Amino acid sequence: MGRSQMTPSRRPRRWLSTLWIGIPALGLALFACVYPLGPPLVEVAAPTSDLRGTNEAVEVLLRFPNSDRTHPETLRVLVNGADVTEGFDVASNGAIGDVVLLVDGENHLEVSVFGRAWWGGQRLVEHSVELRITVERPIDRYWG
């Protein structure tokens, strides 16, 4: 058997090994582009989701579970579209502050922060969390 007859049988093996390595690498790259955030950068520890209360003020506790990726200085807190970020004390692992611009009925709290992408690149991504807080004064419940 000559050398030219052995070459075609090796060629499919090379293609298979290239596909075996290339397809997962391509899939991971596409996943990183489509879903660049990875694990959350900010979590609302308090109040719990869909809080119903009678007070016009609520204490908000935020955690940065991936503090090595999170840029705390980019924290932004909005209540019904108004920026209340200045009322928060920000540290490297979280933030705490009082939200006092609550109105009767439903209020929307939006927290956002920027951080590095999960694969460790220099690309910054934004993570936002929204929360609904409903304020019902006792008089409203009884006298409707």
Protein backbone atom coordinates (compact mmCIF):
# COMPACT_ATOMS: atom_id res chain seq x y z
CA MET A 1 0.00 0.00 0.00
CA GLY A 2 1.34 3.38 -0.92
CA ARG A 3 1.33 6.49 1.16
CA SER A 4 -1.37 8.16 -0.93
CA GLN A 5 -3.81 5.40 -0.11
CA MET A 6 -3.37 5.89 3.69
CA THR A 7 -3.97 9.65 3.66
CA PRO A 8 -7.74 9.61 2.97
CA SER A 9 -8.44 7.35 5.94
CA ARG A 10 -6.71 9.79 8.32
CA ARG A 11 -8.56 12.81 7.00
CA PRO A 12 -11.97 11.95 8.60
CA ARG A 13 -10.28 11.48 11.97
CA ARG A 14 -8.79 14.98 11.75
CA TRP A 15 -12.19 16.45 10.91
CA LEU A 16 -13.79 14.59 13.79
CA SER A 17 -11.19 15.80 16.27
CA THR A 18 -11.58 19.36 14.97
CA LEU A 19 -15.35 19.14 15.36
CA TRP A 20 -14.99 17.49 18.78
CA ILE A 21 -13.01 20.49 20.04
CA GLY A 22 -14.46 23.25 17.85
CA ILE A 23 -18.18 22.81 18.41
CA PRO A 24 -18.08 23.10 22.25
CA ALA A 25 -15.70 26.08 22.00
CA LEU A 26 -17.98 27.80 19.51
CA GLY A 27 -21.01 27.04 21.68
CA LEU A 28 -19.33 28.54 24.75
CA ALA A 29 -18.34 31.66 22.81
CA LEU A 30 -21.90 32.15 21.54
CA PHE A 31 -23.28 31.60 25.05
CA ALA A 32 -20.88 34.21 26.43
CA CYS A 33 -22.02 36.74 23.82
CA VAL A 34 -25.72 36.08 24.29
CA TYR A 35 -25.64 35.72 28.09
CA PRO A 36 -22.68 37.86 29.21
CA LEU A 37 -23.84 38.50 32.76
CA GLY A 38 -23.42 35.11 34.40
CA PRO A 39 -24.26 34.95 38.12
CA PRO A 40 -26.08 38.02 39.50
CA LEU A 41 -24.10 41.12 40.44
CA VAL A 42 -26.69 42.53 42.86
CA GLU A 43 -29.37 40.97 45.06
CA VAL A 44 -32.09 42.70 47.06
CA ALA A 45 -31.86 41.16 50.54
CA ALA A 46 -34.59 43.34 52.03
CA PRO A 47 -37.39 44.06 51.42
CA THR A 48 -38.67 40.82 50.03
CA SER A 49 -40.34 40.66 46.65
CA ASP A 50 -43.71 42.35 46.28
CA LEU A 51 -43.74 43.97 49.72
CA ARG A 52 -47.05 45.30 51.02
CA GLY A 53 -46.78 47.78 53.83
CA THR A 54 -48.33 50.77 55.50
CA ASN A 55 -45.22 52.94 55.76
CA GLU A 56 -44.13 55.58 53.31
CA ALA A 57 -40.47 54.65 53.88
CA VAL A 58 -38.70 51.32 53.45
CA GLU A 59 -35.17 50.29 54.36
CA VAL A 60 -33.44 48.59 51.42
CA LEU A 61 -30.51 46.21 51.86
CA LEU A 62 -28.52 45.21 48.78
CA ARG A 63 -25.85 42.54 48.46
CA PHE A 64 -23.10 42.19 45.87
CA PRO A 65 -22.53 38.40 45.92
CA ASN A 66 -19.75 38.59 43.31
CA SER A 67 -17.96 41.57 44.83
CA ASP A 68 -14.77 40.81 42.91
CA ARG A 69 -16.67 41.43 39.64
CA THR A 70 -19.03 44.21 40.77
CA HIS A 71 -18.23 47.91 40.51
CA PRO A 72 -20.14 49.33 43.53
CA GLU A 73 -19.53 52.94 42.46
CA THR A 74 -21.88 52.36 39.50
CA LEU A 75 -24.87 51.55 41.74
CA ARG A 76 -28.09 53.30 40.73
CA VAL A 77 -31.38 53.08 42.64
CA LEU A 78 -34.59 54.46 41.14
CA VAL A 79 -37.98 54.71 42.84
CA ASN A 80 -40.84 55.45 40.44
CA GLY A 81 -38.24 56.89 38.04
CA ALA A 82 -36.63 59.23 40.63
CA ASP A 83 -32.94 58.68 41.41
CA VAL A 84 -32.46 58.02 45.16
CA THR A 85 -28.91 56.62 44.97
CA GLU A 86 -27.45 59.39 47.14
CA GLY A 87 -29.42 58.08 50.14
CA PHE A 88 -27.47 54.78 50.11
CA ASP A 89 -24.28 53.92 51.93
CA VAL A 90 -22.26 51.78 49.51
CA ALA A 91 -19.54 49.30 50.47
CA SER A 92 -17.63 46.71 48.44
CA ASN A 93 -20.02 43.89 49.41
CA GLY A 94 -23.37 45.73 49.46
CA ALA A 95 -25.36 48.87 50.15
CA ILE A 96 -28.05 50.04 52.57
CA GLY A 97 -30.40 52.98 52.49
CA ASP A 98 -33.88 54.29 53.18
CA VAL A 99 -36.34 54.85 50.37
CA VAL A 100 -38.70 57.66 51.38
CA LEU A 101 -40.35 58.71 48.12
CA LEU A 102 -43.06 56.06 48.26
CA VAL A 103 -46.59 57.03 47.26
CA ASP A 104 -49.91 55.40 48.01
CA GLY A 105 -50.46 52.38 45.81
CA GLU A 106 -47.85 50.58 43.75
CA ASN A 107 -44.21 51.76 43.67
CA HIS A 108 -41.43 50.46 41.44
CA LEU A 109 -37.91 50.07 42.83
CA GLU A 110 -35.19 49.48 40.25
CA VAL A 111 -31.62 48.68 41.27
CA SER A 112 -28.82 48.44 38.72
CA VAL A 113 -25.05 48.01 38.89
CA PHE A 114 -22.27 47.38 36.40
CA GLY A 115 -19.63 44.69 36.66
CA ARG A 116 -17.19 42.61 34.68
CA ALA A 117 -18.52 39.78 32.57
CA TRP A 118 -18.42 36.29 34.11
CA TRP A 119 -15.61 35.01 31.91
CA GLY A 120 -13.25 37.64 33.38
CA GLY A 121 -12.88 39.89 30.37
CA GLN A 122 -12.75 43.66 30.53
CA ARG A 123 -16.26 44.03 29.13
CA LEU A 124 -18.71 45.65 31.57
CA VAL A 125 -22.29 44.43 31.76
CA GLU A 126 -25.29 45.87 33.60
CA HIS A 127 -27.45 43.87 35.96
CA SER A 128 -30.85 45.25 36.96
CA VAL A 129 -33.33 44.06 39.55
CA GLU A 130 -36.88 45.38 39.80
CA LEU A 131 -39.11 45.17 42.83
CA ARG A 132 -42.71 46.22 43.45
CA ILE A 133 -43.63 47.84 46.77
CA THR A 134 -47.30 48.49 47.54
CA VAL A 135 -48.19 51.06 50.19
CA GLU A 136 -51.64 50.83 51.76
CA ARG A 137 -52.45 53.16 54.55
CA PRO A 138 -54.72 51.66 57.21
CA ILE A 139 -57.39 54.31 56.66
CA ASP A 140 -57.55 53.39 52.96
CA ARG A 141 -58.30 49.78 53.79
CA TYR A 142 -61.22 50.61 56.08
CA TRP A 143 -62.74 53.64 54.39
CA GLY A 144 -61.83 52.62 50.82
